[in-house]
Amino acid sequence: MSVNKVILIGNVGKDPDIRYFEAGKGVANFTLATTERAHKVGADYQVPERTEWHNIVVRGGLVQVVEKYVHKGTKLYIEGKIRSRTYIDRENQSHFVTEIAVDVLEILSRRDARNDNGPSAYNEGRNYGSLGEPDDDDDDEKDALASDFNTPF
């Protein structure tokens, strides 16, 4: 038995590159940055902050989600598989690339003006939730709760 599973939480480094092919199939490529915080080891040694950049590849129904809701700076939760491939460029040079093939994508950023009722979580193209701004009615509920518990919100 073997397992090839990656879980990442990070920020999108650049706007996704979206390409569509025959029969409406597409692919989205972008980078995702994950950062380990700096910390001290013992009294003398400081381990510096470290950022890793991951090449993310999205296929299938998730491409439309990425196109509509993901942009530079978006915080994402991603589950996927490590994929490696080799290709030869126009100058006949061979390149080795490691990518993350996405199975699950969840948007962790708050909704902004660029996104109207944007989806929050996707698993192989199925929506599992949505980002939404609270209605004005929610403020009334908070006020009622605050008065019940004498705790300001």
C-alpha atoms as a PDB file:
ATOM      1  CA  MET A   1       0.000   0.000   0.000  1.00  0.00           C
ATOM      2  CA  SER A   2       1.175   3.549  -0.680  1.00  0.00           C
ATOM      3  CA  VAL A   3      -0.227   7.035  -0.225  1.00  0.00           C
ATOM      4  CA  ASN A   4       0.361  10.179  -2.259  1.00  0.00           C
ATOM      5  CA  LYS A   5      -1.497  12.996  -0.489  1.00  0.00           C
ATOM      6  CA  VAL A   6      -0.570  16.623   0.073  1.00  0.00           C
ATOM      7  CA  ILE A   7      -2.360  19.176   2.242  1.00  0.00           C
ATOM      8  CA  LEU A   8      -1.382  22.818   1.854  1.00  0.00           C
ATOM      9  CA  ILE A   9      -2.654  26.090   3.306  1.00  0.00           C
ATOM     10  CA  GLY A  10      -1.147  29.151   1.707  1.00  0.00           C
ATOM     11  CA  ASN A  11      -1.553  32.252  -0.431  1.00  0.00           C
ATOM     12  CA  VAL A  12      -1.798  32.374  -4.200  1.00  0.00           C
ATOM     13  CA  GLY A  13       1.348  33.990  -5.616  1.00  0.00           C
ATOM     14  CA  LYS A  14      -0.004  35.125  -8.986  1.00  0.00           C
ATOM     15  CA  ASP A  15      -3.302  35.229 -10.827  1.00  0.00           C
ATOM     16  CA  PRO A  16      -4.078  31.781 -12.240  1.00  0.00           C
ATOM     17  CA  ASP A  17      -3.198  30.984 -15.851  1.00  0.00           C
ATOM     18  CA  ILE A  18      -6.384  29.437 -17.287  1.00  0.00           C
ATOM     19  CA  ARG A  19      -6.482  27.515 -20.580  1.00  0.00           C
ATOM     20  CA  TYR A  20      -9.446  25.743 -22.151  1.00  0.00           C
ATOM     21  CA  PHE A  21      -9.193  22.942 -24.689  1.00  0.00           C
ATOM     22  CA  GLU A  22     -11.575  20.867 -26.779  1.00  0.00           C
ATOM     23  CA  ALA A  23     -14.958  19.946 -25.329  1.00  0.00           C
ATOM     24  CA  GLY A  24     -14.723  22.670 -22.675  1.00  0.00           C
ATOM     25  CA  LYS A  25     -11.988  20.915 -20.666  1.00  0.00           C
ATOM     26  CA  GLY A  26      -9.461  23.190 -19.088  1.00  0.00           C
ATOM     27  CA  VAL A  27      -6.484  23.552 -16.811  1.00  0.00           C
ATOM     28  CA  ALA A  28      -5.542  26.259 -14.311  1.00  0.00           C
ATOM     29  CA  ASN A  29      -1.963  26.801 -13.134  1.00  0.00           C
ATOM     30  CA  PHE A  30      -0.780  29.057 -10.328  1.00  0.00           C
ATOM     31  CA  THR A  31       1.740  29.168  -7.512  1.00  0.00           C
ATOM     32  CA  LEU A  32       0.940  28.821  -3.821  1.00  0.00           C
ATOM     33  CA  ALA A  33       3.246  30.070  -1.069  1.00  0.00           C
ATOM     34  CA  THR A  34       3.420  28.300   2.287  1.00  0.00           C
ATOM     35  CA  THR A  35       5.482  29.898   5.051  1.00  0.00           C
ATOM     36  CA  GLU A  36       7.011  28.397   8.168  1.00  0.00           C
ATOM     37  CA  ARG A  37       7.399  30.935  10.937  1.00  0.00           C
ATOM     38  CA  ALA A  38      10.758  31.867  12.385  1.00  0.00           C
ATOM     39  CA  HIS A  39      11.527  30.388  15.783  1.00  0.00           C
ATOM     40  CA  LYS A  40      14.328  30.011  18.286  1.00  0.00           C
ATOM     41  CA  VAL A  41      16.133  26.770  18.990  1.00  0.00           C
ATOM     42  CA  GLY A  42      17.740  27.053  22.370  1.00  0.00           C
ATOM     43  CA  ALA A  43      19.039  30.391  23.575  1.00  0.00           C
ATOM     44  CA  ASP A  44      21.488  31.060  20.752  1.00  0.00           C
ATOM     45  CA  TYR A  45      20.034  29.963  17.423  1.00  0.00           C
ATOM     46  CA  GLN A  46      17.238  31.642  15.447  1.00  0.00           C
ATOM     47  CA  VAL A  47      15.679  29.576  12.644  1.00  0.00           C
ATOM     48  CA  PRO A  48      14.611  32.063   9.951  1.00  0.00           C
ATOM     49  CA  GLU A  49      11.206  32.223   8.298  1.00  0.00           C
ATOM     50  CA  ARG A  50      11.046  29.952   5.260  1.00  0.00           C
ATOM     51  CA  THR A  51       8.684  30.202   2.294  1.00  0.00           C
ATOM     52  CA  GLU A  52       8.107  27.325  -0.111  1.00  0.00           C
ATOM     53  CA  TRP A  53       6.535  27.871  -3.518  1.00  0.00           C
ATOM     54  CA  HIS A  54       4.319  25.127  -4.928  1.00  0.00           C
ATOM     55  CA  ASN A  55       3.178  24.739  -8.543  1.00  0.00           C
ATOM     56  CA  ILE A  56      -0.556  24.042  -8.435  1.00  0.00           C
ATOM     57  CA  VAL A  57      -2.469  22.381 -11.290  1.00  0.00           C
ATOM     58  CA  VAL A  58      -6.276  22.300 -11.327  1.00  0.00           C
ATOM     59  CA  ARG A  59      -8.295  20.311 -13.875  1.00  0.00           C
ATOM     60  CA  GLY A  60     -11.942  19.470 -14.488  1.00  0.00           C
ATOM     61  CA  GLY A  61     -14.839  21.367 -12.942  1.00  0.00           C
ATOM     62  CA  LEU A  62     -12.590  23.159 -10.472  1.00  0.00           C
ATOM     63  CA  VAL A  63     -11.046  25.208 -13.311  1.00  0.00           C
ATOM     64  CA  GLN A  64     -14.183  27.345 -13.548  1.00  0.00           C
ATOM     65  CA  VAL A  65     -14.131  27.872  -9.779  1.00  0.00           C
ATOM     66  CA  VAL A  66     -10.499  28.988  -9.905  1.00  0.00           C
ATOM     67  CA  GLU A  67     -11.206  31.275 -12.858  1.00  0.00           C
ATOM     68  CA  LYS A  68     -14.066  32.977 -11.050  1.00  0.00           C
ATOM     69  CA  TYR A  69     -12.903  33.169  -7.426  1.00  0.00           C
ATOM     70  CA  VAL A  70      -9.116  32.716  -7.115  1.00  0.00           C
ATOM     71  CA  HIS A  71      -6.655  35.557  -7.645  1.00  0.00           C
ATOM     72  CA  LYS A  72      -3.279  36.711  -6.347  1.00  0.00           C
ATOM     73  CA  GLY A  73      -3.309  36.814  -2.549  1.00  0.00           C
ATOM     74  CA  THR A  74      -6.271  34.456  -2.057  1.00  0.00           C
ATOM     75  CA  LYS A  75      -5.735  32.136   0.908  1.00  0.00           C
ATOM     76  CA  LEU A  76      -6.470  28.515  -0.038  1.00  0.00           C
ATOM     77  CA  TYR A  77      -6.684  25.084   1.541  1.00  0.00           C
ATOM     78  CA  ILE A  78      -5.649  22.461  -1.008  1.00  0.00           C
ATOM     79  CA  GLU A  79      -5.607  18.678  -0.941  1.00  0.00           C
ATOM     80  CA  GLY A  80      -3.988  16.886  -3.820  1.00  0.00           C
ATOM     81  CA  LYS A  81      -1.264  14.598  -5.113  1.00  0.00           C
ATOM     82  CA  ILE A  82       2.377  15.210  -5.960  1.00  0.00           C
ATOM     83  CA  ARG A  83       3.004  14.798  -9.675  1.00  0.00           C
ATOM     84  CA  SER A  84       6.389  15.027 -11.393  1.00  0.00           C
ATOM     85  CA  ARG A  85       6.987  15.446 -15.091  1.00  0.00           C
ATOM     86  CA  THR A  86       9.720  16.283 -17.547  1.00  0.00           C
ATOM     87  CA  TYR A  87       9.334  18.491 -20.609  1.00  0.00           C
ATOM     88  CA  ILE A  88      11.573  19.917 -23.324  1.00  0.00           C
ATOM     89  CA  ASP A  89      11.340  23.653 -24.022  1.00  0.00           C
ATOM     90  CA  ARG A  90      11.767  25.522 -27.332  1.00  0.00           C
ATOM     91  CA  GLU A  91      15.532  25.719 -26.846  1.00  0.00           C
ATOM     92  CA  ASN A  92      15.583  21.883 -26.570  1.00  0.00           C
ATOM     93  CA  GLN A  93      16.399  22.021 -22.849  1.00  0.00           C
ATOM     94  CA  SER A  94      14.931  19.389 -20.546  1.00  0.00           C
ATOM     95  CA  HIS A  95      13.096  20.558 -17.406  1.00  0.00           C
ATOM     96  CA  PHE A  96      11.898  18.563 -14.402  1.00  0.00           C
ATOM     97  CA  VAL A  97       8.787  19.945 -12.672  1.00  0.00           C
ATOM     98  CA  THR A  98       7.022  18.915  -9.476  1.00  0.00           C
ATOM     99  CA  GLU A  99       3.373  19.956  -9.238  1.00  0.00           C
ATOM    100  CA  ILE A 100       0.400  19.485  -6.950  1.00  0.00           C
ATOM    101  CA  ALA A 101      -2.628  18.033  -8.768  1.00  0.00           C
ATOM    102  CA  VAL A 102      -5.640  19.386  -6.860  1.00  0.00           C
ATOM    103  CA  ASP A 103      -8.447  17.123  -5.624  1.00  0.00           C
ATOM    104  CA  VAL A 104      -9.986  19.472  -3.006  1.00  0.00           C
ATOM    105  CA  LEU A 105      -9.929  23.266  -3.026  1.00  0.00           C
ATOM    106  CA  GLU A 106     -11.272  25.473  -0.249  1.00  0.00           C
ATOM    107  CA  ILE A 107     -11.161  29.257  -0.317  1.00  0.00           C
ATOM    108  CA  LEU A 108     -10.202  30.579   3.111  1.00  0.00           C
ATOM    109  CA  SER A 109     -10.078  34.290   2.240  1.00  0.00           C
ATOM    110  CA  ARG A 110     -13.024  36.488   3.007  1.00  0.00           C
ATOM    111  CA  ARG A 111     -15.177  37.538   0.117  1.00  0.00           C
ATOM    112  CA  ASP A 112     -14.164  40.829  -1.496  1.00  0.00           C
ATOM    113  CA  ALA A 113     -15.595  43.129  -4.130  1.00  0.00           C
ATOM    114  CA  ARG A 114     -14.266  40.936  -6.942  1.00  0.00           C
ATOM    115  CA  ASN A 115     -16.318  37.954  -5.755  1.00  0.00           C
ATOM    116  CA  ASP A 116     -20.108  37.838  -5.535  1.00  0.00           C
ATOM    117  CA  ASN A 117     -21.310  35.042  -3.255  1.00  0.00           C
ATOM    118  CA  GLY A 118     -18.113  33.101  -4.002  1.00  0.00           C
ATOM    119  CA  PRO A 119     -17.893  29.441  -3.179  1.00  0.00           C
ATOM    120  CA  SER A 120     -15.844  28.361  -0.226  1.00  0.00           C
ATOM    121  CA  ALA A 121     -15.131  24.651  -0.537  1.00  0.00           C
ATOM    122  CA  TYR A 122     -14.943  22.353  -3.504  1.00  0.00           C
ATOM    123  CA  ASN A 123     -14.204  18.693  -3.745  1.00  0.00           C
ATOM    124  CA  GLU A 124     -13.760  17.395  -7.259  1.00  0.00           C
ATOM    125  CA  GLY A 125     -16.111  20.088  -8.540  1.00  0.00           C
ATOM    126  CA  ARG A 126     -18.889  19.773  -5.958  1.00  0.00           C
ATOM    127  CA  ASN A 127     -19.741  22.807  -3.852  1.00  0.00           C
ATOM    128  CA  TYR A 128     -19.691  22.205  -0.093  1.00  0.00           C
ATOM    129  CA  GLY A 129     -20.375  25.715   1.125  1.00  0.00           C
ATOM    130  CA  SER A 130     -20.356  29.364   0.238  1.00  0.00           C
ATOM    131  CA  LEU A 131     -18.813  32.546   1.443  1.00  0.00           C
ATOM    132  CA  GLY A 132     -21.381  35.163   2.242  1.00  0.00           C
ATOM    133  CA  GLU A 133     -21.651  38.415   4.029  1.00  0.00           C
ATOM    134  CA  PRO A 134     -23.974  38.509   7.034  1.00  0.00           C
ATOM    135  CA  ASP A 135     -27.421  39.928   6.372  1.00  0.00           C
ATOM    136  CA  ASP A 136     -28.623  42.971   8.285  1.00  0.00           C
ATOM    137  CA  ASP A 137     -30.743  40.525  10.297  1.00  0.00           C
ATOM    138  CA  ASP A 138     -27.547  38.953  11.673  1.00  0.00           C
ATOM    139  CA  ASP A 139     -26.645  42.252  13.330  1.00  0.00           C
ATOM    140  CA  ASP A 140     -29.975  42.188  15.182  1.00  0.00           C
ATOM    141  CA  GLU A 141     -29.202  38.658  16.397  1.00  0.00           C
ATOM    142  CA  LYS A 142     -25.766  39.771  17.629  1.00  0.00           C
ATOM    143  CA  ASP A 143     -27.323  42.734  19.452  1.00  0.00           C
ATOM    144  CA  ALA A 144     -29.840  40.424  21.111  1.00  0.00           C
ATOM    145  CA  LEU A 145     -27.092  37.994  22.142  1.00  0.00           C
ATOM    146  CA  ALA A 146     -24.940  40.826  23.452  1.00  0.00           C
ATOM    147  CA  SER A 147     -27.765  42.130  25.636  1.00  0.00           C
ATOM    148  CA  ASP A 148     -28.484  38.589  26.922  1.00  0.00           C
ATOM    149  CA  PHE A 149     -24.889  38.051  28.013  1.00  0.00           C
ATOM    150  CA  ASN A 150     -23.848  41.673  28.603  1.00  0.00           C
ATOM    151  CA  THR A 151     -20.974  41.086  26.211  1.00  0.00           C
ATOM    152  CA  PRO A 152     -20.357  43.551  23.389  1.00  0.00           C
ATOM    153  CA  PHE A 153     -19.772  42.093  19.949  1.00  0.00           C
END
